[in-house]
Amino acid sequence: KGRFTISRENAKNTVYLQMNSLKPEDTAVYYCAASTKE
């Protein structure tokens, strides 16, 4: 919170994750996922 920002552009079928002030503990494989649920 305060470092990452999620956004989407439905016209481009794209979702983004802006990651700032990265830390070594952010090291990982990052996955996007889609949900049909609320």
PDB file of all heavy atoms in Angstrom:
ATOM      1  N   LYS A   1       0.843  -1.194   0.000  1.00  0.00           N
ATOM      2  CA  LYS A   1       0.000   0.000   0.000  1.00  0.00           C
ATOM      3  C   LYS A   1       0.885   1.253   0.000  1.00  0.00           C
ATOM      4  O   LYS A   1       1.837   1.359   0.768  1.00  0.00           O
ATOM      5  CB  LYS A   1      -0.908  -0.018   1.220  1.00  0.00           C
ATOM      6  CG  LYS A   1      -2.145   0.837   1.109  1.00  0.00           C
ATOM      7  CD  LYS A   1      -3.085   0.569   2.272  1.00  0.00           C
ATOM      8  CE  LYS A   1      -3.677  -0.821   2.212  1.00  0.00           C
ATOM      9  NZ  LYS A   1      -4.680  -1.064   3.290  1.00  0.00           N
ATOM     10  N   GLY A   2       0.563   2.183  -0.884  1.00  0.00           N
ATOM     11  CA  GLY A   2       1.338   3.409  -0.992  1.00  0.00           C
ATOM     12  C   GLY A   2       2.502   3.305  -1.956  1.00  0.00           C
ATOM     13  O   GLY A   2       3.108   4.320  -2.305  1.00  0.00           O
ATOM     14  N   ARG A   3       2.838   2.085  -2.378  1.00  0.00           N
ATOM     15  CA  ARG A   3       3.955   1.891  -3.320  1.00  0.00           C
ATOM     16  C   ARG A   3       3.485   1.339  -4.669  1.00  0.00           C
ATOM     17  O   ARG A   3       4.069   1.670  -5.701  1.00  0.00           O
ATOM     18  CB  ARG A   3       4.987   0.921  -2.727  1.00  0.00           C
ATOM     19  CG  ARG A   3       5.594   1.386  -1.430  1.00  0.00           C
ATOM     20  CD  ARG A   3       6.750   0.476  -0.997  1.00  0.00           C
ATOM     21  NE  ARG A   3       6.322  -0.895  -0.752  1.00  0.00           N
ATOM     22  CZ  ARG A   3       6.831  -1.950  -1.400  1.00  0.00           C
ATOM     23  NH1 ARG A   3       7.758  -1.798  -2.321  1.00  0.00           N
ATOM     24  NH2 ARG A   3       6.407  -3.175  -1.102  1.00  0.00           N
ATOM     25  N   PHE A   4       2.461   0.492  -4.651  1.00  0.00           N
ATOM     26  CA  PHE A   4       1.949  -0.123  -5.881  1.00  0.00           C
ATOM     27  C   PHE A   4       0.598   0.491  -6.242  1.00  0.00           C
ATOM     28  O   PHE A   4      -0.183   0.855  -5.361  1.00  0.00           O
ATOM     29  CB  PHE A   4       1.747  -1.628  -5.681  1.00  0.00           C
ATOM     30  CG  PHE A   4       3.014  -2.441  -5.556  1.00  0.00           C
ATOM     31  CD1 PHE A   4       4.266  -1.844  -5.385  1.00  0.00           C
ATOM     32  CD2 PHE A   4       2.957  -3.820  -5.626  1.00  0.00           C
ATOM     33  CE1 PHE A   4       5.417  -2.608  -5.277  1.00  0.00           C
ATOM     34  CE2 PHE A   4       4.098  -4.603  -5.515  1.00  0.00           C
ATOM     35  CZ  PHE A   4       5.325  -3.989  -5.339  1.00  0.00           C
ATOM     36  N   THR A   5       0.336   0.569  -7.544  1.00  0.00           N
ATOM     37  CA  THR A   5      -0.940   1.060  -8.029  1.00  0.00           C
ATOM     38  C   THR A   5      -1.454   0.137  -9.120  1.00  0.00           C
ATOM     39  O   THR A   5      -0.750  -0.110 -10.105  1.00  0.00           O
ATOM     40  CB  THR A   5      -0.823   2.489  -8.576  1.00  0.00           C
ATOM     41  OG1 THR A   5      -0.311   3.360  -7.564  1.00  0.00           O
ATOM     42  CG2 THR A   5      -2.189   2.997  -9.037  1.00  0.00           C
ATOM     43  N   ILE A   6      -2.675  -0.348  -8.939  1.00  0.00           N
ATOM     44  CA  ILE A   6      -3.304  -1.182  -9.961  1.00  0.00           C
ATOM     45  C   ILE A   6      -4.276  -0.316 -10.762  1.00  0.00           C
ATOM     46  O   ILE A   6      -4.949   0.557 -10.198  1.00  0.00           O
ATOM     47  CB  ILE A   6      -4.027  -2.401  -9.335  1.00  0.00           C
ATOM     48  CG1 ILE A   6      -4.497  -3.371 -10.409  1.00  0.00           C
ATOM     49  CG2 ILE A   6      -5.164  -1.954  -8.426  1.00  0.00           C
ATOM     50  CD1 ILE A   6      -5.014  -4.694  -9.846  1.00  0.00           C
ATOM     51  N   SER A   7      -4.323  -0.549 -12.064  1.00  0.00           N
ATOM     52  CA  SER A   7      -5.252   0.180 -12.919  1.00  0.00           C
ATOM     53  C   SER A   7      -5.610  -0.711 -14.097  1.00  0.00           C
ATOM     54  O   SER A   7      -4.997  -1.755 -14.309  1.00  0.00           O
ATOM     55  CB  SER A   7      -4.634   1.498 -13.396  1.00  0.00           C
ATOM     56  OG  SER A   7      -3.459   1.249 -14.149  1.00  0.00           O
ATOM     57  N   ARG A   8      -6.613  -0.291 -14.850  1.00  0.00           N
ATOM     58  CA  ARG A   8      -7.012  -1.087 -16.012  1.00  0.00           C
ATOM     59  C   ARG A   8      -7.525  -0.188 -17.121  1.00  0.00           C
ATOM     60  O   ARG A   8      -8.036   0.916 -16.863  1.00  0.00           O
ATOM     61  CB  ARG A   8      -8.089  -2.110 -15.623  1.00  0.00           C
ATOM     62  CG  ARG A   8      -9.423  -1.526 -15.195  1.00  0.00           C
ATOM     63  CD  ARG A   8     -10.334  -2.616 -14.622  1.00  0.00           C
ATOM     64  NE  ARG A   8     -10.664  -3.641 -15.606  1.00  0.00           N
ATOM     65  CZ  ARG A   8     -11.147  -4.840 -15.279  1.00  0.00           C
ATOM     66  NH1 ARG A   8     -11.358  -5.166 -14.011  1.00  0.00           N
ATOM     67  NH2 ARG A   8     -11.438  -5.725 -16.230  1.00  0.00           N
ATOM     68  N   GLU A   9      -7.363  -0.669 -18.331  1.00  0.00           N
ATOM     69  CA  GLU A   9      -7.925  -0.021 -19.512  1.00  0.00           C
ATOM     70  C   GLU A   9      -8.769  -1.063 -20.226  1.00  0.00           C
ATOM     71  O   GLU A   9      -8.240  -1.912 -20.966  1.00  0.00           O
ATOM     72  CB  GLU A   9      -6.822   0.479 -20.443  1.00  0.00           C
ATOM     73  CG  GLU A   9      -6.100   1.716 -19.961  1.00  0.00           C
ATOM     74  CD  GLU A   9      -5.189   2.284 -21.028  1.00  0.00           C
ATOM     75  OE1 GLU A   9      -5.705   2.922 -21.962  1.00  0.00           O
ATOM     76  OE2 GLU A   9      -3.960   2.054 -20.933  1.00  0.00           O
ATOM     77  N   ASN A  10     -10.062  -1.019 -20.015  1.00  0.00           N
ATOM     78  CA  ASN A  10     -10.929  -2.042 -20.592  1.00  0.00           C
ATOM     79  C   ASN A  10     -10.937  -1.988 -22.126  1.00  0.00           C
ATOM     80  O   ASN A  10     -11.080  -3.017 -22.785  1.00  0.00           O
ATOM     81  CB  ASN A  10     -12.335  -1.909 -20.036  1.00  0.00           C
ATOM     82  CG  ASN A  10     -12.415  -2.397 -18.600  1.00  0.00           C
ATOM     83  OD1 ASN A  10     -11.548  -3.141 -18.123  1.00  0.00           O
ATOM     84  ND2 ASN A  10     -13.454  -1.985 -17.898  1.00  0.00           N
ATOM     85  N   ALA A  11     -10.752  -0.819 -22.681  1.00  0.00           N
ATOM     86  CA  ALA A  11     -10.729  -0.701 -24.136  1.00  0.00           C
ATOM     87  C   ALA A  11      -9.535  -1.431 -24.740  1.00  0.00           C
ATOM     88  O   ALA A  11      -9.559  -1.811 -25.916  1.00  0.00           O
ATOM     89  CB  ALA A  11     -10.694   0.762 -24.543  1.00  0.00           C
ATOM     90  N   LYS A  12      -8.481  -1.615 -23.937  1.00  0.00           N
ATOM     91  CA  LYS A  12      -7.278  -2.308 -24.395  1.00  0.00           C
ATOM     92  C   LYS A  12      -7.159  -3.707 -23.806  1.00  0.00           C
ATOM     93  O   LYS A  12      -6.144  -4.384 -23.998  1.00  0.00           O
ATOM     94  CB  LYS A  12      -6.030  -1.506 -24.036  1.00  0.00           C
ATOM     95  CG  LYS A  12      -5.927  -0.170 -24.748  1.00  0.00           C
ATOM     96  CD  LYS A  12      -4.610   0.520 -24.428  1.00  0.00           C
ATOM     97  CE  LYS A  12      -4.479   1.825 -25.193  1.00  0.00           C
ATOM     98  NZ  LYS A  12      -3.182   2.515 -24.892  1.00  0.00           N
ATOM     99  N   ASN A  13      -8.164  -4.137 -23.054  1.00  0.00           N
ATOM    100  CA  ASN A  13      -8.117  -5.460 -22.405  1.00  0.00           C
ATOM    101  C   ASN A  13      -6.843  -5.644 -21.587  1.00  0.00           C
ATOM    102  O   ASN A  13      -6.208  -6.705 -21.632  1.00  0.00           O
ATOM    103  CB  ASN A  13      -8.229  -6.593 -23.437  1.00  0.00           C
ATOM    104  CG  ASN A  13      -9.662  -6.828 -23.879  1.00  0.00           C
ATOM    105  OD1 ASN A  13     -10.538  -6.005 -23.623  1.00  0.00           O
ATOM    106  ND2 ASN A  13      -9.899  -7.941 -24.543  1.00  0.00           N
ATOM    107  N   THR A  14      -6.465  -4.617 -20.853  1.00  0.00           N
ATOM    108  CA  THR A  14      -5.189  -4.635 -20.143  1.00  0.00           C
ATOM    109  C   THR A  14      -5.353  -4.132 -18.717  1.00  0.00           C
ATOM    110  O   THR A  14      -6.079  -3.178 -18.464  1.00  0.00           O
ATOM    111  CB  THR A  14      -4.148  -3.769 -20.886  1.00  0.00           C
ATOM    112  OG1 THR A  14      -4.008  -4.256 -22.226  1.00  0.00           O
ATOM    113  CG2 THR A  14      -2.794  -3.834 -20.190  1.00  0.00           C
ATOM    114  N   VAL A  15      -4.644  -4.797 -17.810  1.00  0.00           N
ATOM    115  CA  VAL A  15      -4.548  -4.345 -16.430  1.00  0.00           C
ATOM    116  C   VAL A  15      -3.066  -4.129 -16.125  1.00  0.00           C
ATOM    117  O   VAL A  15      -2.206  -4.844 -16.645  1.00  0.00           O
ATOM    118  CB  VAL A  15      -5.195  -5.350 -15.456  1.00  0.00           C
ATOM    119  CG1 VAL A  15      -4.506  -6.703 -15.504  1.00  0.00           C
ATOM    120  CG2 VAL A  15      -5.240  -4.806 -14.041  1.00  0.00           C
ATOM    121  N   TYR A  16      -2.790  -3.129 -15.308  1.00  0.00           N
ATOM    122  CA  TYR A  16      -1.417  -2.730 -15.008  1.00  0.00           C
ATOM    123  C   TYR A  16      -1.144  -2.812 -13.508  1.00  0.00           C
ATOM    124  O   TYR A  16      -2.054  -2.715 -12.683  1.00  0.00           O
ATOM    125  CB  TYR A  16      -1.165  -1.283 -15.460  1.00  0.00           C
ATOM    126  CG  TYR A  16      -1.477  -1.018 -16.898  1.00  0.00           C
ATOM    127  CD1 TYR A  16      -2.696  -0.445 -17.273  1.00  0.00           C
ATOM    128  CD2 TYR A  16      -0.558  -1.327 -17.896  1.00  0.00           C
ATOM    129  CE1 TYR A  16      -2.998  -0.191 -18.598  1.00  0.00           C
ATOM    130  CE2 TYR A  16      -0.848  -1.074 -19.231  1.00  0.00           C
ATOM    131  CZ  TYR A  16      -2.064  -0.508 -19.581  1.00  0.00           C
ATOM    132  OH  TYR A  16      -2.358  -0.263 -20.893  1.00  0.00           O
ATOM    133  N   LEU A  17       0.127  -2.958 -13.201  1.00  0.00           N
ATOM    134  CA  LEU A  17       0.582  -2.827 -11.823  1.00  0.00           C
ATOM    135  C   LEU A  17       1.822  -1.960 -11.828  1.00  0.00           C
ATOM    136  O   LEU A  17       2.889  -2.396 -12.270  1.00  0.00           O
ATOM    137  CB  LEU A  17       0.880  -4.186 -11.183  1.00  0.00           C
ATOM    138  CG  LEU A  17       1.216  -4.122  -9.698  1.00  0.00           C
ATOM    139  CD1 LEU A  17      -0.009  -3.702  -8.883  1.00  0.00           C
ATOM    140  CD2 LEU A  17       1.755  -5.458  -9.191  1.00  0.00           C
ATOM    141  N   GLN A  18       1.668  -0.711 -11.398  1.00  0.00           N
ATOM    142  CA  GLN A  18       2.804   0.193 -11.265  1.00  0.00           C
ATOM    143  C   GLN A  18       3.428  -0.041  -9.906  1.00  0.00           C
ATOM    144  O   GLN A  18       2.754   0.079  -8.877  1.00  0.00           O
ATOM    145  CB  GLN A  18       2.340   1.647 -11.395  1.00  0.00           C
ATOM    146  CG  GLN A  18       3.442   2.669 -11.210  1.00  0.00           C
ATOM    147  CD  GLN A  18       4.483   2.622 -12.313  1.00  0.00           C
ATOM    148  OE1 GLN A  18       4.140   2.507 -13.489  1.00  0.00           O
ATOM    149  NE2 GLN A  18       5.755   2.697 -11.937  1.00  0.00           N
ATOM    150  N   MET A  19       4.708  -0.370  -9.909  1.00  0.00           N
ATOM    151  CA  MET A  19       5.412  -0.692  -8.674  1.00  0.00           C
ATOM    152  C   MET A  19       6.541   0.306  -8.473  1.00  0.00           C
ATOM    153  O   MET A  19       7.467   0.365  -9.281  1.00  0.00           O
ATOM    154  CB  MET A  19       5.965  -2.122  -8.733  1.00  0.00           C
ATOM    155  CG  MET A  19       4.915  -3.174  -9.057  1.00  0.00           C
ATOM    156  SD  MET A  19       5.550  -4.854  -8.954  1.00  0.00           S
ATOM    157  CE  MET A  19       6.739  -4.848 -10.282  1.00  0.00           C
ATOM    158  N   ASN A  20       6.438   1.078  -7.408  1.00  0.00           N
ATOM    159  CA  ASN A  20       7.454   2.079  -7.069  1.00  0.00           C
ATOM    160  C   ASN A  20       8.126   1.723  -5.752  1.00  0.00           C
ATOM    161  O   ASN A  20       7.620   0.910  -4.982  1.00  0.00           O
ATOM    162  CB  ASN A  20       6.802   3.456  -6.961  1.00  0.00           C
ATOM    163  CG  ASN A  20       6.177   3.927  -8.257  1.00  0.00           C
ATOM    164  OD1 ASN A  20       6.635   3.585  -9.347  1.00  0.00           O
ATOM    165  ND2 ASN A  20       5.116   4.706  -8.144  1.00  0.00           N
ATOM    166  N   SER A  21       9.252   2.353  -5.500  1.00  0.00           N
ATOM    167  CA  SER A  21       9.996   2.138  -4.247  1.00  0.00           C
ATOM    168  C   SER A  21      10.162   0.649  -3.957  1.00  0.00           C
ATOM    169  O   SER A  21       9.901   0.174  -2.847  1.00  0.00           O
ATOM    170  CB  SER A  21       9.267   2.822  -3.076  1.00  0.00           C
ATOM    171  OG  SER A  21       9.104   4.205  -3.323  1.00  0.00           O
ATOM    172  N   LEU A  22      10.612  -0.062  -4.957  1.00  0.00           N
ATOM    173  CA  LEU A  22      10.712  -1.518  -4.828  1.00  0.00           C
ATOM    174  C   LEU A  22      11.755  -1.910  -3.791  1.00  0.00           C
ATOM    175  O   LEU A  22      12.780  -1.237  -3.615  1.00  0.00           O
ATOM    176  CB  LEU A  22      11.032  -2.136  -6.180  1.00  0.00           C
ATOM    177  CG  LEU A  22       9.826  -2.232  -7.120  1.00  0.00           C
ATOM    178  CD1 LEU A  22      10.271  -2.416  -8.563  1.00  0.00           C
ATOM    179  CD2 LEU A  22       8.913  -3.363  -6.694  1.00  0.00           C
ATOM    180  N   LYS A  23      11.458  -3.018  -3.131  1.00  0.00           N
ATOM    181  CA  LYS A  23      12.323  -3.561  -2.086  1.00  0.00           C
ATOM    182  C   LYS A  23      12.747  -4.979  -2.468  1.00  0.00           C
ATOM    183  O   LYS A  23      12.028  -5.653  -3.218  1.00  0.00           O
ATOM    184  CB  LYS A  23      11.559  -3.606  -0.761  1.00  0.00           C
ATOM    185  CG  LYS A  23      10.961  -2.289  -0.322  1.00  0.00           C
ATOM    186  CD  LYS A  23      10.125  -2.463   0.936  1.00  0.00           C
ATOM    187  CE  LYS A  23       9.491  -1.160   1.377  1.00  0.00           C
ATOM    188  NZ  LYS A  23       8.667  -1.331   2.600  1.00  0.00           N
ATOM    189  N   PRO A  24      13.861  -5.439  -1.935  1.00  0.00           N
ATOM    190  CA  PRO A  24      14.271  -6.828  -2.227  1.00  0.00           C
ATOM    191  C   PRO A  24      13.184  -7.847  -1.897  1.00  0.00           C
ATOM    192  O   PRO A  24      13.052  -8.858  -2.601  1.00  0.00           O
ATOM    193  CB  PRO A  24      15.515  -7.014  -1.353  1.00  0.00           C
ATOM    194  CG  PRO A  24      16.096  -5.634  -1.251  1.00  0.00           C
ATOM    195  CD  PRO A  24      14.902  -4.716  -1.180  1.00  0.00           C
ATOM    196  N   GLU A  25      12.393  -7.579  -0.882  1.00  0.00           N
ATOM    197  CA  GLU A  25      11.323  -8.509  -0.512  1.00  0.00           C
ATOM    198  C   GLU A  25      10.162  -8.530  -1.502  1.00  0.00           C
ATOM    199  O   GLU A  25       9.259  -9.354  -1.386  1.00  0.00           O
ATOM    200  CB  GLU A  25      10.801  -8.224   0.891  1.00  0.00           C
ATOM    201  CG  GLU A  25      10.410  -6.784   1.147  1.00  0.00           C
ATOM    202  CD  GLU A  25      11.528  -5.999   1.826  1.00  0.00           C
ATOM    203  OE1 GLU A  25      12.709  -6.137   1.415  1.00  0.00           O
ATOM    204  OE2 GLU A  25      11.208  -5.232   2.769  1.00  0.00           O
ATOM    205  N   ASP A  26      10.185  -7.641  -2.487  1.00  0.00           N
ATOM    206  CA  ASP A  26       9.184  -7.685  -3.557  1.00  0.00           C
ATOM    207  C   ASP A  26       9.562  -8.695  -4.639  1.00  0.00           C
ATOM    208  O   ASP A  26       8.766  -8.933  -5.562  1.00  0.00           O
ATOM    209  CB  ASP A  26       9.021  -6.311  -4.193  1.00  0.00           C
ATOM    210  CG  ASP A  26       8.440  -5.283  -3.241  1.00  0.00           C
ATOM    211  OD1 ASP A  26       7.506  -5.626  -2.487  1.00  0.00           O
ATOM    212  OD2 ASP A  26       8.934  -4.129  -3.244  1.00  0.00           O
ATOM    213  N   THR A  27      10.752  -9.256  -4.541  1.00  0.00           N
ATOM    214  CA  THR A  27      11.196 -10.244  -5.520  1.00  0.00           C
ATOM    215  C   THR A  27      10.267 -11.450  -5.521  1.00  0.00           C
ATOM    216  O   THR A  27      10.026 -12.058  -4.475  1.00  0.00           O
ATOM    217  CB  THR A  27      12.634 -10.682  -5.213  1.00  0.00           C
ATOM    218  OG1 THR A  27      13.511  -9.558  -5.380  1.00  0.00           O
ATOM    219  CG2 THR A  27      13.067 -11.812  -6.141  1.00  0.00           C
ATOM    220  N   ALA A  28       9.739 -11.783  -6.698  1.00  0.00           N
ATOM    221  CA  ALA A  28       8.777 -12.885  -6.824  1.00  0.00           C
ATOM    222  C   ALA A  28       8.392 -13.030  -8.284  1.00  0.00           C
ATOM    223  O   ALA A  28       8.718 -12.177  -9.118  1.00  0.00           O
ATOM    224  CB  ALA A  28       7.522 -12.602  -5.994  1.00  0.00           C
ATOM    225  N   VAL A  29       7.674 -14.097  -8.567  1.00  0.00           N
ATOM    226  CA  VAL A  29       6.976 -14.211  -9.835  1.00  0.00           C
ATOM    227  C   VAL A  29       5.606 -13.574  -9.644  1.00  0.00           C
ATOM    228  O   VAL A  29       4.900 -13.895  -8.681  1.00  0.00           O
ATOM    229  CB  VAL A  29       6.830 -15.671 -10.291  1.00  0.00           C
ATOM    230  CG1 VAL A  29       6.052 -15.749 -11.596  1.00  0.00           C
ATOM    231  CG2 VAL A  29       8.202 -16.311 -10.447  1.00  0.00           C
ATOM    232  N   TYR A  30       5.262 -12.674 -10.541  1.00  0.00           N
ATOM    233  CA  TYR A  30       3.996 -11.954 -10.458  1.00  0.00           C
ATOM    234  C   TYR A  30       3.018 -12.505 -11.489  1.00  0.00           C
ATOM    235  O   TYR A  30       3.372 -12.677 -12.664  1.00  0.00           O
ATOM    236  CB  TYR A  30       4.216 -10.464 -10.670  1.00  0.00           C
ATOM    237  CG  TYR A  30       4.803  -9.783  -9.461  1.00  0.00           C
ATOM    238  CD1 TYR A  30       6.127 -10.003  -9.081  1.00  0.00           C
ATOM    239  CD2 TYR A  30       4.037  -8.929  -8.675  1.00  0.00           C
ATOM    240  CE1 TYR A  30       6.665  -9.399  -7.948  1.00  0.00           C
ATOM    241  CE2 TYR A  30       4.559  -8.314  -7.541  1.00  0.00           C
ATOM    242  CZ  TYR A  30       5.870  -8.555  -7.193  1.00  0.00           C
ATOM    243  OH  TYR A  30       6.399  -7.954  -6.071  1.00  0.00           O
ATOM    244  N   TYR A  31       1.797 -12.754 -11.026  1.00  0.00           N
ATOM    245  CA  TYR A  31       0.754 -13.319 -11.865  1.00  0.00           C
ATOM    246  C   TYR A  31      -0.462 -12.396 -11.892  1.00  0.00           C
ATOM    247  O   TYR A  31      -0.830 -11.835 -10.856  1.00  0.00           O
ATOM    248  CB  TYR A  31       0.275 -14.657 -11.311  1.00  0.00           C
ATOM    249  CG  TYR A  31       1.343 -15.718 -11.175  1.00  0.00           C
ATOM    250  CD1 TYR A  31       2.120 -15.809 -10.023  1.00  0.00           C
ATOM    251  CD2 TYR A  31       1.559 -16.646 -12.188  1.00  0.00           C
ATOM    252  CE1 TYR A  31       3.090 -16.793  -9.890  1.00  0.00           C
ATOM    253  CE2 TYR A  31       2.522 -17.632 -12.070  1.00  0.00           C
ATOM    254  CZ  TYR A  31       3.287 -17.701 -10.916  1.00  0.00           C
ATOM    255  OH  TYR A  31       4.241 -18.680 -10.795  1.00  0.00           O
ATOM    256  N   CYS A  32      -1.092 -12.283 -13.050  1.00  0.00           N
ATOM    257  CA  CYS A  32      -2.395 -11.641 -13.070  1.00  0.00           C
ATOM    258  C   CYS A  32      -3.468 -12.728 -13.110  1.00  0.00           C
ATOM    259  O   CYS A  32      -3.223 -13.849 -13.571  1.00  0.00           O
ATOM    260  CB  CYS A  32      -2.544 -10.657 -14.218  1.00  0.00           C
ATOM    261  SG  CYS A  32      -2.554 -11.378 -15.854  1.00  0.00           S
ATOM    262  N   ALA A  33      -4.638 -12.369 -12.622  1.00  0.00           N
ATOM    263  CA  ALA A  33      -5.728 -13.320 -12.526  1.00  0.00           C
ATOM    264  C   ALA A  33      -7.053 -12.609 -12.748  1.00  0.00           C
ATOM    265  O   ALA A  33      -7.191 -11.423 -12.409  1.00  0.00           O
ATOM    266  CB  ALA A  33      -5.716 -13.995 -11.154  1.00  0.00           C
ATOM    267  N   ALA A  34      -8.007 -13.337 -13.308  1.00  0.00           N
ATOM    268  CA  ALA A  34      -9.323 -12.778 -13.606  1.00  0.00           C
ATOM    269  C   ALA A  34     -10.383 -13.510 -12.792  1.00  0.00           C
ATOM    270  O   ALA A  34     -10.333 -14.734 -12.645  1.00  0.00           O
ATOM    271  CB  ALA A  34      -9.628 -12.903 -15.094  1.00  0.00           C
ATOM    272  N   SER A  35     -11.351 -12.749 -12.316  1.00  0.00           N
ATOM    273  CA  SER A  35     -12.399 -13.305 -11.467  1.00  0.00           C
ATOM    274  C   SER A  35     -13.781 -12.947 -11.983  1.00  0.00           C
ATOM    275  O   SER A  35     -14.025 -11.809 -12.376  1.00  0.00           O
ATOM    276  CB  SER A  35     -12.243 -12.766 -10.042  1.00  0.00           C
ATOM    277  OG  SER A  35     -13.330 -13.188  -9.227  1.00  0.00           O
ATOM    278  N   THR A  36     -14.681 -13.926 -11.932  1.00  0.00           N
ATOM    279  CA  THR A  36     -16.076 -13.678 -12.272  1.00  0.00           C
ATOM    280  C   THR A  36     -16.909 -13.347 -11.026  1.00  0.00           C
ATOM    281  O   THR A  36     -18.098 -13.093 -11.136  1.00  0.00           O
ATOM    282  CB  THR A  36     -16.687 -14.910 -12.960  1.00  0.00           C
ATOM    283  OG1 THR A  36     -16.584 -16.036 -12.074  1.00  0.00           O
ATOM    284  CG2 THR A  36     -15.971 -15.230 -14.256  1.00  0.00           C
ATOM    285  N   LYS A  37     -16.266 -13.311  -9.874  1.00  0.00           N
ATOM    286  CA  LYS A  37     -16.958 -13.115  -8.607  1.00  0.00           C
ATOM    287  C   LYS A  37     -16.884 -11.666  -8.146  1.00  0.00           C
ATOM    288  O   LYS A  37     -16.083 -10.883  -8.631  1.00  0.00           O
ATOM    289  CB  LYS A  37     -16.353 -14.046  -7.541  1.00  0.00           C
ATOM    290  CG  LYS A  37     -16.392 -15.518  -7.924  1.00  0.00           C
ATOM    291  CD  LYS A  37     -15.654 -16.357  -6.925  1.00  0.00           C
ATOM    292  CE  LYS A  37     -15.652 -17.831  -7.324  1.00  0.00           C
ATOM    293  NZ  LYS A  37     -14.927 -18.043  -8.593  1.00  0.00           N
ATOM    294  N   GLU A  38     -17.725 -11.334  -7.199  1.00  0.00           N
ATOM    295  CA  GLU A  38     -17.705 -10.005  -6.605  1.00  0.00           C
ATOM    296  C   GLU A  38     -16.573  -9.960  -5.583  1.00  0.00           C
ATOM    297  O   GLU A  38     -16.653 -10.579  -4.534  1.00  0.00           O
ATOM    298  CB  GLU A  38     -19.040  -9.714  -5.927  1.00  0.00           C
ATOM    299  CG  GLU A  38     -19.064  -8.397  -5.170  1.00  0.00           C
ATOM    300  CD  GLU A  38     -18.584  -7.234  -6.010  1.00  0.00           C
ATOM    301  OE1 GLU A  38     -19.206  -6.948  -7.042  1.00  0.00           O
ATOM    302  OE2 GLU A  38     -17.551  -6.633  -5.622  1.00  0.00           O
TER     303      GLU A  38
END
